[in-house]
Protein backbone atom coordinates (compact mmCIF):
# COMPACT_ATOMS: atom_id res chain seq x y z
CA MET A 1 -19.57 -21.70 11.55
CA THR A 2 -16.26 -19.91 10.78
CA ASP A 3 -15.49 -16.82 10.34
CA ALA A 4 -15.07 -16.59 6.54
CA GLY A 5 -18.60 -19.13 6.24
CA ILE A 6 -20.32 -16.07 8.32
CA GLY A 7 -18.55 -13.26 5.67
CA LEU A 8 -19.74 -15.90 2.20
CA LEU A 9 -23.41 -15.45 4.11
CA GLY A 10 -23.08 -11.67 4.65
CA ILE A 11 -22.18 -11.08 1.13
CA LEU A 12 -24.96 -13.58 0.06
CA ALA A 13 -27.54 -11.97 1.95
CA LEU A 14 -26.51 -8.36 0.84
CA LEU A 15 -27.42 -9.61 -2.39
CA VAL A 16 -30.94 -11.15 -1.91
CA LEU A 17 -31.34 -8.01 -0.19
CA ILE A 18 -30.31 -5.54 -3.17
CA ALA A 19 -32.33 -7.89 -5.50
CA ALA A 20 -34.99 -7.18 -3.16
CA ASN A 21 -34.74 -3.69 -4.16
CA MET A 22 -33.60 -2.68 -0.65
CA HIS A 23 -31.42 0.38 -0.28
CA ILE A 24 -28.55 -0.03 -0.98
CA GLY A 25 -27.13 1.60 1.98
CA ILE A 26 -29.20 0.43 4.40
CA ALA A 27 -28.30 -3.09 3.37
CA LEU A 28 -24.95 -2.60 3.54
CA ILE A 29 -25.47 -1.51 6.87
CA LEU A 30 -27.71 -4.07 8.19
CA VAL A 31 -25.62 -7.03 6.62
CA SER A 32 -22.30 -5.83 8.33
CA TYR A 33 -23.85 -5.10 11.27
CA VAL A 34 -25.44 -8.19 11.64
CA GLY A 35 -21.95 -9.87 10.85
CA LEU A 36 -19.78 -8.32 13.26
CA VAL A 37 -22.62 -9.10 16.01
CA ALA A 38 -21.59 -12.64 15.13
CA LEU A 39 -18.15 -12.46 14.83
CA VAL A 40 -17.29 -10.68 17.97
CA GLY A 41 -20.55 -9.92 19.64
CA SER A 42 -22.94 -7.03 20.35
CA GLN A 43 -20.98 -4.82 22.31
CA ALA A 44 -18.33 -4.54 19.91
CA ALA A 45 -20.43 -4.60 16.93
CA TRP A 46 -22.51 -1.66 18.26
CA GLY A 47 -19.25 0.24 19.11
CA MET A 48 -18.10 -0.20 15.79
CA LEU A 49 -21.31 1.05 14.50
CA GLU A 50 -21.20 4.14 16.95
CA VAL A 51 -17.40 4.57 15.46
CA VAL A 52 -16.93 3.86 12.37
CA PRO A 53 -19.18 5.53 10.47
CA TYR A 54 -18.02 9.15 11.89
CA THR A 55 -14.22 8.25 11.45
CA PHE A 56 -15.56 7.84 7.60
CA ILE A 57 -17.79 11.17 7.10
CA SER A 58 -15.48 13.37 9.08
CA ASN A 59 -13.19 13.14 6.75
CA TRP A 60 -12.55 16.81 5.27
CA THR A 61 -12.47 16.46 2.10
CA LEU A 62 -15.97 14.64 1.46
CA SER A 63 -17.21 18.04 2.48
CA SER A 64 -16.13 19.09 -0.76
CA VAL A 65 -19.35 16.27 -2.02
CA PRO A 66 -22.53 18.22 -1.29
CA MET A 67 -20.94 22.32 -1.98
CA PHE A 68 -20.21 20.31 -5.83
CA VAL A 69 -23.86 18.81 -5.86
CA PHE A 70 -25.43 22.05 -4.57
CA MET A 71 -23.47 23.82 -7.26
CA GLY A 72 -24.60 21.62 -10.29
CA TYR A 73 -27.98 21.95 -8.88
CA ILE A 74 -28.04 25.50 -8.45
CA CYS A 75 -26.80 25.44 -11.98
CA PHE A 76 -29.89 23.54 -13.05
CA LYS A 77 -32.32 24.68 -11.18
CA ALA A 78 -31.43 28.28 -13.10
CA ASP A 79 -31.45 26.88 -16.19
CA LEU A 80 -27.92 28.56 -16.60
CA THR A 81 -27.22 25.08 -19.24
CA ARG A 82 -29.40 26.31 -22.16
CA GLY A 83 -26.99 29.05 -23.05
CA LEU A 84 -24.24 26.60 -23.32
CA PHE A 85 -26.61 24.41 -25.60
CA ASP A 86 -27.76 26.76 -27.54
CA ALA A 87 -23.97 28.77 -28.33
CA ALA A 88 -23.75 24.73 -29.22
CA ARG A 89 -26.46 24.62 -31.76
CA LEU A 90 -25.55 27.88 -33.61
CA TRP A 91 -22.18 26.85 -34.28
CA LEU A 92 -22.38 23.75 -34.92
CA ALA A 93 -26.03 22.87 -36.58
CA ARG A 94 -24.37 22.91 -39.92
CA LEU A 95 -22.44 20.14 -39.67
CA PRO A 96 -24.17 15.95 -40.04
CA GLY A 97 -26.05 15.49 -37.11
CA GLY A 98 -24.66 18.89 -35.83
CA LEU A 99 -27.61 18.73 -32.69
CA ALA A 100 -26.76 15.91 -31.52
CA ILE A 101 -23.02 17.26 -31.76
CA ALA A 102 -24.02 20.51 -29.90
CA SER A 103 -25.87 18.63 -27.12
CA ILE A 104 -22.77 16.63 -26.48
CA PHE A 105 -20.40 19.68 -26.52
CA GLY A 106 -22.75 21.15 -23.92
CA CYS A 107 -22.75 18.13 -21.36
CA SER A 108 -19.23 18.34 -21.75
CA GLY A 109 -19.96 21.91 -20.78
CA PHE A 110 -21.91 21.30 -18.09
CA ALA A 111 -19.67 18.36 -16.49
CA ALA A 112 -17.08 21.07 -15.41
CA VAL A 113 -19.93 22.19 -12.99
CA THR A 114 -21.40 19.06 -11.93
CA GLY A 115 -20.27 16.15 -10.45
CA SER A 116 -23.12 14.64 -11.74
CA SER A 117 -24.22 12.70 -15.06
CA VAL A 118 -28.02 11.71 -14.12
CA ALA A 119 -27.70 15.86 -13.51
CA CYS A 120 -25.75 16.18 -16.83
CA ALA A 121 -28.42 14.23 -18.53
CA ALA A 122 -31.27 15.58 -17.36
CA ALA A 123 -30.46 19.07 -17.88
CA MET A 124 -28.96 18.92 -21.78
CA GLY A 125 -32.79 16.66 -21.93
CA LYS A 126 -34.70 19.09 -20.44
CA VAL A 127 -33.15 21.41 -23.55
CA ALA A 128 -31.68 19.71 -25.97
CA VAL A 129 -34.03 16.75 -26.63
CA PRO A 130 -37.22 18.55 -27.59
CA GLU A 131 -34.68 21.01 -30.23
CA MET A 132 -34.03 18.03 -32.03
CA LEU A 133 -37.13 16.01 -32.19
CA ARG A 134 -38.48 19.96 -33.97
CA HIS A 135 -35.95 19.52 -36.03
CA GLY A 136 -36.68 15.83 -37.35
CA TYR A 137 -34.05 13.67 -35.69
CA ASN A 138 -34.69 10.52 -34.93
CA ALA A 139 -36.00 9.97 -31.28
CA GLN A 140 -33.33 7.19 -31.04
CA LEU A 141 -30.18 9.36 -31.86
CA ALA A 142 -31.74 12.11 -30.07
CA THR A 143 -32.06 10.81 -26.91
CA GLY A 144 -29.39 8.24 -26.67
CA THR A 145 -26.77 10.66 -27.14
CA VAL A 146 -27.90 12.76 -24.92
CA ALA A 147 -28.31 9.99 -22.30
CA ALA A 148 -25.03 8.68 -23.83
CA ALA A 149 -23.48 11.84 -23.05
CA GLY A 150 -24.66 12.87 -19.53
CA THR A 151 -21.99 10.09 -18.58
CA ILE A 152 -19.12 12.76 -19.27
CA GLY A 153 -20.40 14.39 -16.00
CA ALA A 154 -18.80 12.07 -13.85
CA LEU A 155 -15.17 11.83 -15.89
CA ILE A 156 -14.79 15.96 -16.47
CA PRO A 157 -14.44 17.50 -13.07
CA PRO A 158 -15.91 18.25 -10.89
CA SER A 159 -16.46 14.68 -10.36
CA ILE A 160 -18.40 13.02 -7.49
CA LEU A 161 -17.47 9.72 -8.20
CA LEU A 162 -13.42 10.66 -8.11
CA ILE A 163 -13.32 12.50 -4.85
CA VAL A 164 -15.14 9.62 -3.15
CA PHE A 165 -12.53 7.01 -4.75
CA GLY A 166 -9.83 9.87 -3.88
CA VAL A 167 -10.98 9.12 -0.02
CA VAL A 168 -11.25 5.52 -0.04
CA ALA A 169 -7.70 4.99 -1.89
CA GLN A 170 -5.76 8.01 -0.64
CA VAL A 171 -4.70 9.30 -3.86
CA SER A 172 -4.64 13.07 -4.94
CA ILE A 173 -7.83 14.01 -6.07
CA ASN A 174 -6.26 17.09 -8.08
CA ASP A 175 -4.32 14.48 -10.15
CA LEU A 176 -7.64 12.87 -10.32
CA PHE A 177 -9.59 15.58 -11.77
CA LEU A 178 -6.48 16.24 -14.10
CA GLY A 179 -6.50 12.17 -15.02
CA GLY A 180 -10.59 12.83 -15.87
CA ILE A 181 -9.79 15.74 -18.06
CA GLY A 182 -8.45 13.38 -20.96
CA ALA A 183 -10.85 10.93 -20.56
CA GLY A 184 -13.80 12.93 -20.55
CA ILE A 185 -12.60 14.68 -23.68
CA ALA A 186 -11.46 10.91 -25.22
CA THR A 187 -15.34 9.91 -24.41
CA ALA A 188 -16.69 13.25 -25.99
CA VAL A 189 -14.71 12.82 -29.38
CA ILE A 190 -15.60 8.66 -29.95
CA TYR A 191 -18.90 9.94 -29.06
CA VAL A 192 -19.06 12.43 -31.69
CA ALA A 193 -17.44 10.05 -34.30
CA VAL A 194 -20.78 7.53 -32.97
CA VAL A 195 -23.01 10.53 -34.45
CA LEU A 196 -21.22 11.50 -37.53
CA LEU A 197 -21.03 7.87 -38.43
CA ARG A 198 -24.38 7.48 -38.11
CA VAL A 199 -26.08 10.20 -39.87
CA THR A 200 -23.18 9.50 -43.24
CA LEU A 201 -24.60 6.06 -43.19
CA LYS A 202 -28.44 7.31 -42.71
CA PRO A 203 -28.87 11.03 -43.12
CA SER A 204 -32.74 10.21 -42.59
CA LEU A 205 -31.75 10.28 -38.68
CA ALA A 206 -30.54 13.92 -38.58
CA PRO A 207 -32.34 16.05 -41.54
CA SER A 208 -30.14 19.06 -42.69
CA VAL A 209 -30.64 22.37 -40.76
CA THR A 210 -31.17 24.97 -43.31
CA GLU A 211 -31.61 27.95 -40.71
CA ARG A 212 -29.13 30.12 -41.79
CA VAL A 213 -27.31 31.83 -38.74
CA SER A 214 -25.42 35.33 -39.01
CA TRP A 215 -21.57 35.59 -37.43
CA ARG A 216 -22.98 38.09 -35.25
CA GLU A 217 -25.80 35.75 -34.40
CA LYS A 218 -23.14 33.30 -33.42
CA PHE A 219 -20.48 35.69 -30.75
CA MET A 220 -23.90 36.46 -29.47
CA ALA A 221 -24.74 33.39 -28.51
CA LEU A 222 -21.22 33.03 -27.24
CA LYS A 223 -22.30 35.42 -24.89
CA GLY A 224 -25.03 33.38 -23.65
CA ALA A 225 -22.84 30.37 -22.78
CA LEU A 226 -20.15 32.95 -20.66
CA PRO A 227 -21.69 33.43 -17.00
CA VAL A 228 -21.21 28.96 -17.13
CA MET A 229 -17.85 29.64 -18.61
CA LEU A 230 -16.73 32.23 -16.59
CA LEU A 231 -17.75 29.86 -13.52
CA ILE A 232 -15.78 27.07 -14.97
CA VAL A 233 -12.78 28.66 -15.44
CA GLY A 234 -13.40 30.22 -11.65
CA VAL A 235 -13.29 26.74 -10.44
CA LEU A 236 -11.27 24.87 -12.12
CA GLY A 237 -8.52 27.82 -13.18
CA GLY A 238 -8.71 28.76 -9.32
CA LEU A 239 -8.03 25.02 -8.40
CA PHE A 240 -5.32 23.97 -10.42
CA GLY A 241 -3.63 27.32 -10.02
CA GLY A 242 -3.30 26.65 -6.42
CA LEU A 243 -5.53 29.40 -5.36
CA PHE A 244 -7.69 26.70 -3.48
CA THR A 245 -7.46 23.19 -2.65
CA ALA A 246 -9.95 21.17 -4.12
CA THR A 247 -11.81 20.48 -1.03
CA GLN A 248 -12.40 24.59 -1.18
CA ALA A 249 -13.02 24.45 -4.33
CA GLY A 250 -16.94 23.10 -3.56
CA ALA A 251 -17.20 26.21 -1.75
CA VAL A 252 -15.98 28.55 -4.05
CA GLY A 253 -18.29 26.55 -7.04
CA ALA A 254 -21.43 26.61 -4.77
CA LEU A 255 -20.78 30.31 -3.66
CA LEU A 256 -19.90 31.77 -8.13
CA SER A 257 -22.74 29.36 -8.86
CA MET A 258 -25.41 31.59 -6.94
CA GLY A 259 -23.65 34.56 -7.54
CA VAL A 260 -23.91 34.01 -11.40
CA ALA A 261 -27.65 32.85 -11.15
CA ALA A 262 -28.64 36.11 -9.21
CA CYS A 263 -26.16 38.18 -11.76
CA GLN A 264 -28.56 36.69 -14.66
CA ARG A 265 -32.14 36.95 -12.22
CA ARG A 266 -32.79 33.40 -12.31
CA LEU A 267 -32.21 32.76 -8.67
CA THR A 268 -35.88 32.98 -7.47
CA TRP A 269 -36.62 31.22 -4.16
CA THR A 270 -38.26 28.43 -5.82
CA ALA A 271 -35.03 27.93 -7.60
CA PHE A 272 -32.71 28.01 -4.53
CA SER A 273 -35.39 26.08 -2.50
CA SER A 274 -35.57 22.90 -4.76
CA ALA A 275 -31.32 23.02 -5.17
CA VAL A 276 -31.04 22.80 -1.22
CA VAL A 277 -33.52 20.18 -1.30
CA ASP A 278 -32.42 17.75 -3.54
CA THR A 279 -29.05 18.54 -2.51
CA LEU A 280 -29.53 17.07 0.90
CA ALA A 281 -31.63 14.41 -0.74
CA THR A 282 -28.88 13.17 -3.10
CA CYS A 283 -25.94 13.59 -0.03
CA GLY A 284 -28.38 12.28 2.45
CA SER A 285 -28.68 9.05 0.06
CA LEU A 286 -24.64 9.07 -0.82
CA PHE A 287 -23.09 9.39 2.54
CA ILE A 288 -25.50 6.44 3.94
CA VAL A 289 -23.81 4.02 1.42
CA THR A 290 -20.71 4.91 2.33
CA ILE A 291 -21.40 4.56 5.90
CA GLY A 292 -23.02 1.41 5.00
CA ALA A 293 -19.62 0.41 2.59
CA SER A 294 -17.13 1.26 5.38
CA MET A 295 -18.70 -1.21 8.07
CA LEU A 296 -18.68 -3.58 4.82
CA THR A 297 -14.74 -2.90 4.57
CA ARG A 298 -14.56 -3.81 8.31
CA PHE A 299 -16.92 -7.14 8.38
CA LEU A 300 -14.98 -8.75 5.04
CA THR A 301 -11.60 -8.13 6.80
CA MET A 302 -12.89 -9.09 10.33
CA SER A 303 -14.48 -12.15 8.52
CA GLY A 304 -11.24 -12.99 6.15
CA VAL A 305 -13.30 -13.15 3.23
CA GLY A 306 -11.63 -10.54 1.49
CA PHE A 307 -8.27 -11.80 1.73
CA MET A 308 -10.22 -15.52 0.91
CA ILE A 309 -11.27 -13.27 -2.47
CA SER A 310 -8.06 -11.57 -3.23
CA ASP A 311 -5.73 -14.65 -2.56
CA ALA A 312 -8.51 -16.70 -5.24
CA VAL A 313 -8.03 -13.99 -8.05
CA GLY A 314 -4.38 -12.81 -6.85
CA TRP A 315 -2.74 -15.19 -9.99
CA LEU A 316 -4.09 -12.53 -12.28
CA GLY A 317 -1.66 -10.25 -10.70
CA ALA A 318 1.06 -11.83 -12.37
CA SER A 319 -0.54 -10.47 -16.04
CA PRO A 320 -1.81 -6.78 -15.55
CA VAL A 321 -3.92 -6.91 -18.93
CA LEU A 322 -5.95 -10.11 -17.51
CA LEU A 323 -6.55 -8.37 -14.20
CA LEU A 324 -7.78 -4.81 -15.53
CA LEU A 325 -10.34 -7.50 -17.98
CA ALA A 326 -11.49 -9.08 -15.31
CA ILE A 327 -12.18 -6.19 -13.25
CA ALA A 328 -14.08 -4.34 -15.96
CA LEU A 329 -16.38 -7.51 -16.40
CA VAL A 330 -17.25 -7.34 -12.71
CA TYR A 331 -17.83 -3.80 -12.81
CA LEU A 332 -19.65 -3.75 -15.90
CA VAL A 333 -21.76 -6.32 -14.64
CA LEU A 334 -22.46 -4.52 -11.34
CA GLY A 335 -23.33 -1.50 -13.46
CA MET A 336 -26.28 -3.36 -14.68
CA PHE A 337 -28.33 -3.36 -11.08
CA LEU A 338 -26.55 -0.65 -8.94
CA GLU A 339 -25.61 2.73 -8.65
CA PRO A 340 -22.17 3.66 -9.50
CA ILE A 341 -20.83 5.02 -5.96
CA GLY A 342 -22.55 1.97 -4.22
CA ALA A 343 -20.85 -0.64 -6.71
CA MET A 344 -17.61 1.83 -6.33
CA LEU A 345 -17.67 1.05 -2.29
CA ILE A 346 -18.36 -2.43 -2.36
CA THR A 347 -15.61 -3.65 -4.88
CA LEU A 348 -12.62 -1.07 -3.68
CA PRO A 349 -11.36 -3.06 -0.45
CA ILE A 350 -10.83 -6.62 -2.63
CA PHE A 351 -9.85 -4.47 -5.77
CA LEU A 352 -7.13 -1.49 -4.21
CA PRO A 353 -4.38 -4.53 -3.25
CA LEU A 354 -5.17 -6.31 -6.39
CA VAL A 355 -4.10 -3.23 -8.25
CA GLY A 356 -1.15 -1.79 -5.68
CA ALA A 357 0.35 -5.73 -6.07
CA ALA A 358 0.22 -5.06 -9.91
CA ASP A 359 1.90 -1.91 -9.54
CA ILE A 360 -0.92 -0.46 -11.76
CA SER A 361 -0.80 3.71 -11.16
CA MET A 362 -3.94 4.56 -8.69
CA ILE A 363 -4.86 7.54 -10.86
CA TRP A 364 -5.27 5.54 -13.94
CA PHE A 365 -7.07 3.43 -12.45
CA GLY A 366 -9.29 5.53 -10.29
CA VAL A 367 -10.39 7.51 -13.45
CA PHE A 368 -11.05 3.79 -15.19
CA VAL A 369 -13.07 2.43 -12.99
CA ALA A 370 -15.10 6.32 -13.18
CA LYS A 371 -15.80 5.61 -16.66
CA LEU A 372 -16.46 1.62 -16.69
CA LEU A 373 -18.98 2.84 -13.74
CA GLU A 374 -20.73 5.29 -16.08
CA VAL A 375 -21.46 2.80 -19.10
CA GLY A 376 -23.42 1.38 -16.33
CA MET A 377 -25.56 4.20 -16.61
CA ILE A 378 -26.74 3.36 -19.81
CA THR A 379 -27.13 -0.50 -19.47
CA PRO A 380 -30.05 -2.26 -19.14
CA PRO A 381 -31.82 -3.24 -16.90
CA ILE A 382 -31.27 0.06 -14.28
CA GLY A 383 -29.26 2.62 -16.56
CA MET A 384 -30.31 5.47 -14.36
CA ASN A 385 -29.38 8.12 -17.20
CA VAL A 386 -31.79 6.51 -19.76
CA PHE A 387 -35.07 6.67 -16.56
CA VAL A 388 -33.90 10.45 -15.82
CA LEU A 389 -33.97 11.20 -19.41
CA SER A 390 -37.22 9.07 -20.64
CA THR A 391 -38.95 10.93 -17.45
CA THR A 392 -37.23 14.52 -18.20
CA VAL A 393 -38.91 14.38 -21.77
CA GLY A 394 -42.03 12.90 -21.34
CA ARG A 395 -43.88 10.36 -24.06
CA ALA A 396 -41.78 11.21 -26.72
CA ALA A 397 -39.21 9.24 -25.39
CA PRO A 398 -40.15 5.83 -23.85
CA ALA A 399 -37.43 3.88 -22.01
CA ASP A 400 -36.88 1.40 -24.38
CA VAL A 401 -36.31 3.73 -27.08
CA VAL A 402 -33.62 5.91 -25.33
CA PHE A 403 -32.06 1.99 -24.85
CA ARG A 404 -31.77 1.59 -28.36
CA GLY A 405 -30.48 4.63 -28.85
CA VAL A 406 -27.34 4.34 -26.18
CA MET A 407 -26.09 1.22 -27.69
CA TRP A 408 -24.27 2.56 -30.27
CA PHE A 409 -22.27 4.50 -27.83
CA PHE A 410 -22.07 1.63 -25.27
CA VAL A 411 -20.20 -0.07 -28.15
CA ALA A 412 -18.24 3.00 -28.52
CA ASP A 413 -17.56 3.03 -24.77
CA ILE A 414 -16.33 -0.51 -24.83
CA LEU A 415 -13.81 0.41 -27.54
CA LEU A 416 -12.80 3.36 -25.41
CA LEU A 417 -12.03 1.29 -22.38
CA GLY A 418 -10.07 -1.27 -24.46
CA LEU A 419 -8.01 2.22 -25.37
CA LEU A 420 -7.20 3.42 -22.15
CA ILE A 421 -5.70 0.33 -21.51
CA TRP A 422 -3.66 -0.04 -24.37
CA LEU A 423 -2.48 4.05 -24.07
CA PRO A 424 -2.78 4.34 -20.34
CA GLY A 425 -1.46 7.83 -21.18
CA ILE A 426 -4.59 9.49 -21.95
CA ILE A 427 -5.52 9.62 -18.46
CA THR A 428 -2.02 9.90 -17.33
CA PHE A 429 -0.85 12.43 -19.47
CA ILE A 430 -2.38 15.88 -18.68
CA PRO A 431 -1.43 14.84 -14.25
CA SER A 432 1.96 14.01 -15.57
CA LEU A 433 2.80 17.92 -16.58
CA PHE A 434 1.85 19.28 -13.46
């Protein structure tokens, strides 16, 4: 069998193992190692298994990932997110669908202290969905809004997806973070428009909140959101102000989150230990996937399949828009079955050369890919945000109800993706200022 044949057989085996529900990281490592044995022999393959994972994981920039994840979990476990939603609720409740809009703003705020859309959806689902249901909101609207708004967590910095993309593509993580701000704001705006449109067309989805709130109560609510806002300003202000690097920002954020939680008297041993365990589990799974993807890159390169696929679709590079549409279709399909980082790491070795040849900004492309992958977090059959939210809320929100609720936001996301291609300045404008 030719080297290319071995490579294609390896890709087929990988798809079969993933379909059989094997952990994607283990599947990547297994297929890559067996494929390398077939290509270069067991001794050379074992040598690569020793060297390649260490070479990738020892990248200093990746040390920020567990720190940002830990920061998000501390805020979640210490229930620091409630103040964000309460403040948004009191200020926006009088609008049509005001509580749903408040949950979007709450998710946007929490996105700035966690790089995970799953954590964002879980944290706001615990606070916002019961409040909306208590006020008579339609379950599809309530749960769909929070599940979709959780995806903002992977766009507004700090974003784990953007950090990993920056390491793989070797582009500035600071610039990716700045580009993510524009995409995150655009996502929040279009989600608010969806809520307003739905409630205007069918007011029974979100009964008007008749509770009268004084200006004093509104400003007092801002006081409850102040600790998290200070944390956001401290981390992002220091990062973009040049006080510390993106790598150091993770450690600073983790320390500040513990300090804020301690000052609020919410840093219990249970919250701290649970945050540590969840961080270790999340990062352990993430790094296994990145190691596997690094091995797969080496396998595809040595078999020649990577170059063969690039040549097969290289004609798309003549039309950047056509190339991006093809890439978008691939990611939307993969997002239905794979978790975002795994889908990204499997495909980047093939897509990055094509995007570079088409002279597309890597900063823009990184944020565009993050947005594409997050759309997969709310699409069936494996919409992770949907199942996390359904688990968080319980019997009040079965998965099928949440899936029906997010479909409106899915359509809005497709429109936004088209807008990002048509107006790339939405992403590149803020980085250009710096």
